[in-house]
Protein backbone atom coordinates (compact mmCIF):
# COMPACT_ATOMS: atom_id res chain seq x y z
CA VAL A 1 169.17 193.95 -89.40
CA LEU A 2 171.39 196.67 -88.67
CA ALA A 3 174.21 196.90 -90.72
CA ALA A 4 178.04 198.45 -89.96
CA ASP A 5 180.62 196.27 -91.57
CA GLN A 6 181.16 199.59 -93.90
CA ARG A 7 184.43 200.09 -93.70
CA THR A 8 185.92 202.14 -96.92
CA LYS A 9 183.04 203.85 -97.28
CA LEU A 10 182.87 204.37 -93.13
CA VAL A 11 186.31 206.17 -94.04
CA ALA A 12 185.19 208.94 -96.05
CA ALA A 13 181.61 209.64 -94.82
CA ARG A 14 183.77 210.33 -91.69
CA THR A 15 186.25 211.40 -93.54
CA ALA A 16 184.03 214.05 -95.54
CA ALA A 17 182.32 214.48 -91.52
CA GLY A 18 185.70 216.62 -90.70
CA LEU A 19 186.06 213.32 -88.22
CA SER A 20 188.48 210.81 -87.02
CA SER A 21 189.20 207.80 -89.93
CA ASP A 22 192.09 205.90 -88.35
CA PRO A 23 191.88 202.28 -86.96
CA GLU A 24 190.79 203.18 -83.17
CA SER A 25 188.15 205.81 -84.50
CA LEU A 26 186.60 203.65 -86.32
CA ARG A 27 186.57 200.61 -83.74
CA GLU A 28 185.17 203.12 -81.11
CA PHE A 29 182.70 204.14 -83.24
CA LYS A 30 181.57 200.99 -84.18
CA LEU A 31 181.17 199.77 -80.20
CA ASP A 32 179.05 202.79 -79.36
CA LEU A 33 177.33 201.60 -81.64
CA VAL A 34 177.57 198.40 -80.98
CA GLU A 35 175.88 198.99 -78.16
CA ALA A 36 173.17 201.61 -78.24
CA LEU A 37 171.59 199.54 -80.97
CA ALA A 38 172.46 195.89 -80.89
CA PRO A 39 170.23 195.31 -77.72
CA LEU A 40 166.90 196.93 -80.28
CA ALA A 41 167.75 194.74 -83.51
CA PRO A 42 167.10 191.85 -84.60
CA ALA A 43 170.22 191.20 -86.10
CA VAL A 44 174.09 192.92 -86.79
CA LEU A 45 176.05 192.34 -89.84
CA LEU A 46 179.56 193.39 -88.39
CA ASP A 47 183.29 192.91 -90.95
CA PRO A 48 185.58 190.99 -89.10
CA GLU A 49 188.49 193.20 -89.29
CA LEU A 50 187.57 196.02 -87.40
CA GLY A 51 184.79 196.39 -86.17
CA LEU A 52 183.51 193.06 -84.93
CA PRO A 53 186.46 191.98 -82.99
CA HIS A 54 186.31 195.34 -80.69
CA VAL A 55 182.78 194.81 -79.38
CA LEU A 56 183.66 191.43 -78.78
CA GLU A 57 186.30 191.85 -76.22
CA GLN A 58 184.45 194.45 -74.81
CA GLY A 59 182.22 192.03 -74.23
CA ALA A 60 178.86 194.31 -75.99
CA PHE A 61 177.23 191.95 -77.89
CA PRO A 62 173.49 190.54 -76.41
CA ALA A 63 173.59 187.36 -76.48
CA ARG A 64 169.72 187.30 -77.93
CA THR A 65 170.83 188.98 -81.36
CA GLY A 66 171.59 187.73 -84.52
CA LEU A 67 175.10 188.20 -85.72
CA LEU A 68 176.28 187.95 -89.37
CA VAL A 69 179.68 188.46 -90.75
CA SER A 70 180.79 189.69 -93.96
CA LEU A 71 183.39 187.17 -95.30
CA GLU A 72 184.69 190.47 -98.57
CA ARG A 73 187.22 192.76 -99.17
CA SER A 74 185.66 196.02 -99.10
CA GLY A 75 186.05 197.03 -102.17
CA ALA A 76 186.34 195.26 -105.28
CA ILE A 77 189.30 195.22 -107.98
CA ARG A 78 188.50 196.29 -110.88
CA THR A 79 189.37 194.18 -114.50
CA PRO A 80 191.03 194.64 -117.42
CA GLU A 81 187.68 194.11 -118.94
CA GLY A 82 185.91 197.30 -116.73
CA LEU A 83 183.77 194.73 -114.49
CA ARG A 84 184.53 193.89 -110.61
CA ALA A 85 185.19 191.50 -108.76
CA VAL A 86 185.34 190.42 -104.65
CA GLU A 87 187.58 189.38 -103.05
CA LEU A 88 187.54 187.76 -99.92
CA LEU A 89 189.62 187.66 -96.38
CA PRO A 90 191.59 185.46 -96.56
CA ASP A 91 191.59 182.34 -93.51
CA HIS A 92 188.08 183.71 -92.69
CA GLY A 93 185.27 181.81 -94.59
CA ALA A 94 182.55 180.00 -93.08
CA ALA A 95 184.74 178.59 -90.22
CA GLY A 96 185.56 181.94 -90.08
CA VAL A 97 182.50 183.07 -88.90
CA ARG A 98 182.15 180.42 -86.93
CA ARG A 99 185.02 180.95 -84.25
CA LEU A 100 183.53 184.25 -84.25
CA GLY A 101 180.64 183.40 -83.09
CA GLY A 102 178.12 184.17 -85.98
CA THR A 103 174.92 183.18 -86.87
CA GLY A 104 175.24 184.61 -90.22
CA ALA A 105 177.73 185.36 -93.21
CA LYS A 106 177.65 187.73 -95.33
CA LEU A 107 178.84 187.85 -99.07
CA LEU A 108 178.46 191.62 -101.06
CA VAL A 109 179.05 190.85 -104.93
CA ARG A 110 179.05 193.67 -107.77
CA LEU A 111 176.95 192.68 -110.55
CA ARG A 112 176.83 192.85 -114.35
CA ALA A 113 174.25 190.35 -115.47
CA ASP A 114 174.80 191.51 -119.14
CA ARG A 115 178.59 190.96 -119.05
CA GLU A 116 178.99 188.12 -116.96
CA ASP A 117 177.66 184.84 -116.22
CA ALA A 118 177.92 181.46 -114.77
CA ASP A 119 181.01 180.30 -115.92
CA GLY A 120 182.57 183.69 -114.37
CA PRO A 121 184.68 184.58 -111.75
CA ASN A 122 182.20 186.70 -109.65
CA ALA A 123 179.69 183.49 -109.81
CA ALA A 124 182.57 180.85 -109.17
CA VAL A 125 183.19 182.89 -105.54
CA ILE A 126 179.98 182.65 -104.80
CA ARG A 127 179.61 178.72 -105.46
CA ALA A 128 182.23 178.01 -103.67
CA VAL A 129 181.43 180.31 -100.45
CA ALA A 130 177.80 179.31 -100.38
CA ALA A 131 178.70 175.69 -101.22
CA ASP A 132 180.98 176.24 -97.99
CA CYS A 133 178.86 177.20 -96.19
CA ALA A 134 176.36 174.55 -96.13
CA ALA A 135 178.65 172.74 -95.73
CA ARG A 136 178.86 174.25 -92.32
CA ASP A 137 174.80 175.18 -91.67
CA LEU A 138 176.14 177.55 -91.81
CA ALA A 139 173.02 180.68 -93.36
CA LEU A 140 174.55 182.64 -96.00
CA VAL A 141 173.06 186.32 -97.10
CA VAL A 142 174.59 186.59 -101.11
CA GLU A 143 173.94 190.97 -101.48
CA VAL A 144 174.74 191.90 -105.13
CA LEU A 145 174.89 195.84 -106.48
CA THR A 146 175.19 196.94 -109.60
CA TYR A 147 177.35 199.97 -110.79
CA ARG A 148 177.63 202.22 -114.09
CA LEU A 149 180.10 200.46 -116.34
CA ASP A 150 183.14 203.26 -117.30
CA ASP A 151 182.36 204.19 -120.53
CA GLU A 152 178.58 204.14 -120.31
CA ALA A 153 176.76 206.83 -119.95
CA GLU A 154 174.67 208.28 -117.28
CA ASP A 155 171.30 208.16 -117.85
CA ALA A 156 171.16 204.72 -119.77
CA PHE A 157 172.91 203.01 -116.44
CA ALA A 158 169.31 204.80 -115.52
CA GLY A 159 167.50 204.25 -117.52
CA ARG A 160 168.00 200.14 -116.96
CA ARG A 161 169.20 200.20 -113.49
CA GLY A 162 166.58 197.79 -112.47
CA ASP A 163 166.53 195.11 -114.36
CA LEU A 164 170.34 195.49 -113.65
CA ILE A 165 169.02 194.29 -110.46
CA ARG A 166 166.64 191.97 -110.95
CA GLY A 167 169.25 189.95 -113.65
CA GLY A 168 172.12 190.50 -111.05
CA ALA A 169 169.42 188.63 -108.63
CA LEU A 170 169.35 186.28 -111.29
CA LEU A 171 172.54 185.41 -111.57
CA ALA A 172 173.62 185.04 -108.14
CA GLU A 173 171.27 183.41 -107.11
CA ALA A 174 171.79 180.42 -110.42
CA ALA A 175 175.18 180.70 -108.51
CA GLY A 176 174.25 179.93 -105.31
CA ALA A 177 172.42 182.19 -103.28
CA ARG A 178 169.75 180.95 -101.24
CA TYR A 179 168.75 184.33 -99.37
CA LEU A 180 169.10 187.50 -101.43
CA LYS A 181 170.23 191.63 -100.21
CA LEU A 182 168.87 194.10 -102.95
CA GLU A 183 169.19 197.43 -103.75
CA TYR A 184 165.72 199.26 -104.47
CA PRO A 185 164.99 198.79 -108.53
CA GLY A 186 163.33 201.68 -108.94
CA GLY A 187 159.32 201.03 -107.77
CA GLU A 188 156.15 198.13 -106.89
CA ALA A 189 156.24 197.14 -110.00
CA ALA A 190 159.46 196.67 -110.00
CA CYS A 191 159.84 195.12 -106.33
CA ALA A 192 157.49 192.34 -107.97
CA ALA A 193 159.37 191.66 -111.03
CA ILE A 194 162.49 190.01 -109.03
CA THR A 195 159.81 188.59 -106.68
CA ASP A 196 158.10 187.08 -109.10
CA ALA A 197 161.59 185.87 -111.17
CA LEU A 198 162.90 184.85 -108.21
CA GLU A 199 162.71 181.80 -105.74
CA ALA A 200 164.73 182.44 -102.96
CA PRO A 201 164.01 185.43 -100.64
CA TRP A 202 165.05 189.06 -100.65
CA ALA A 203 165.26 192.12 -98.67
CA LEU A 204 165.72 195.35 -99.80
CA LEU A 205 169.01 196.94 -98.31
CA SER A 206 168.74 200.87 -97.06
CA ALA A 207 170.99 202.73 -99.86
């Protein structure tokens, strides 16, 4: 699947490369990407803020390619506890994905399973989105990222990263995720540990 829903990170990458990062430039970049690669991909993931509306207006999306639509705002809200909370795009949800012609939705959530649980706000968002998508027979991919806390040593985080990825996947599954997109946990054994721990299938994100 070609993931092309980047917004904040795309701006940063283009700025660092000395390229324009105004909305029109981002829209044209995503249009070029879709025109070149979407006919070769089984599915493309696009954002409903910049990329997808322009691509659809230009009639550039191939009829036989699956379309995944991101549900969250780019970036995350930092909580007083130092965690990161997902924020959904307003007035969008499963109905919005269907209106855009999407065949599936994607929700990115940053989780620290050692600091939050199934009763926390991120898990509540996953449950609500999973129920919304299920009610409209829409496939949902939940992408889970882990992160280093502000007061956490880099080497300590690196040593626990594989366990945190597995813990985040389990937390997302407990909250209702039925298909997961996960970071590389560091090796074959770590991948196998995730597969053994989950009932849900998972895909590896490119980073």
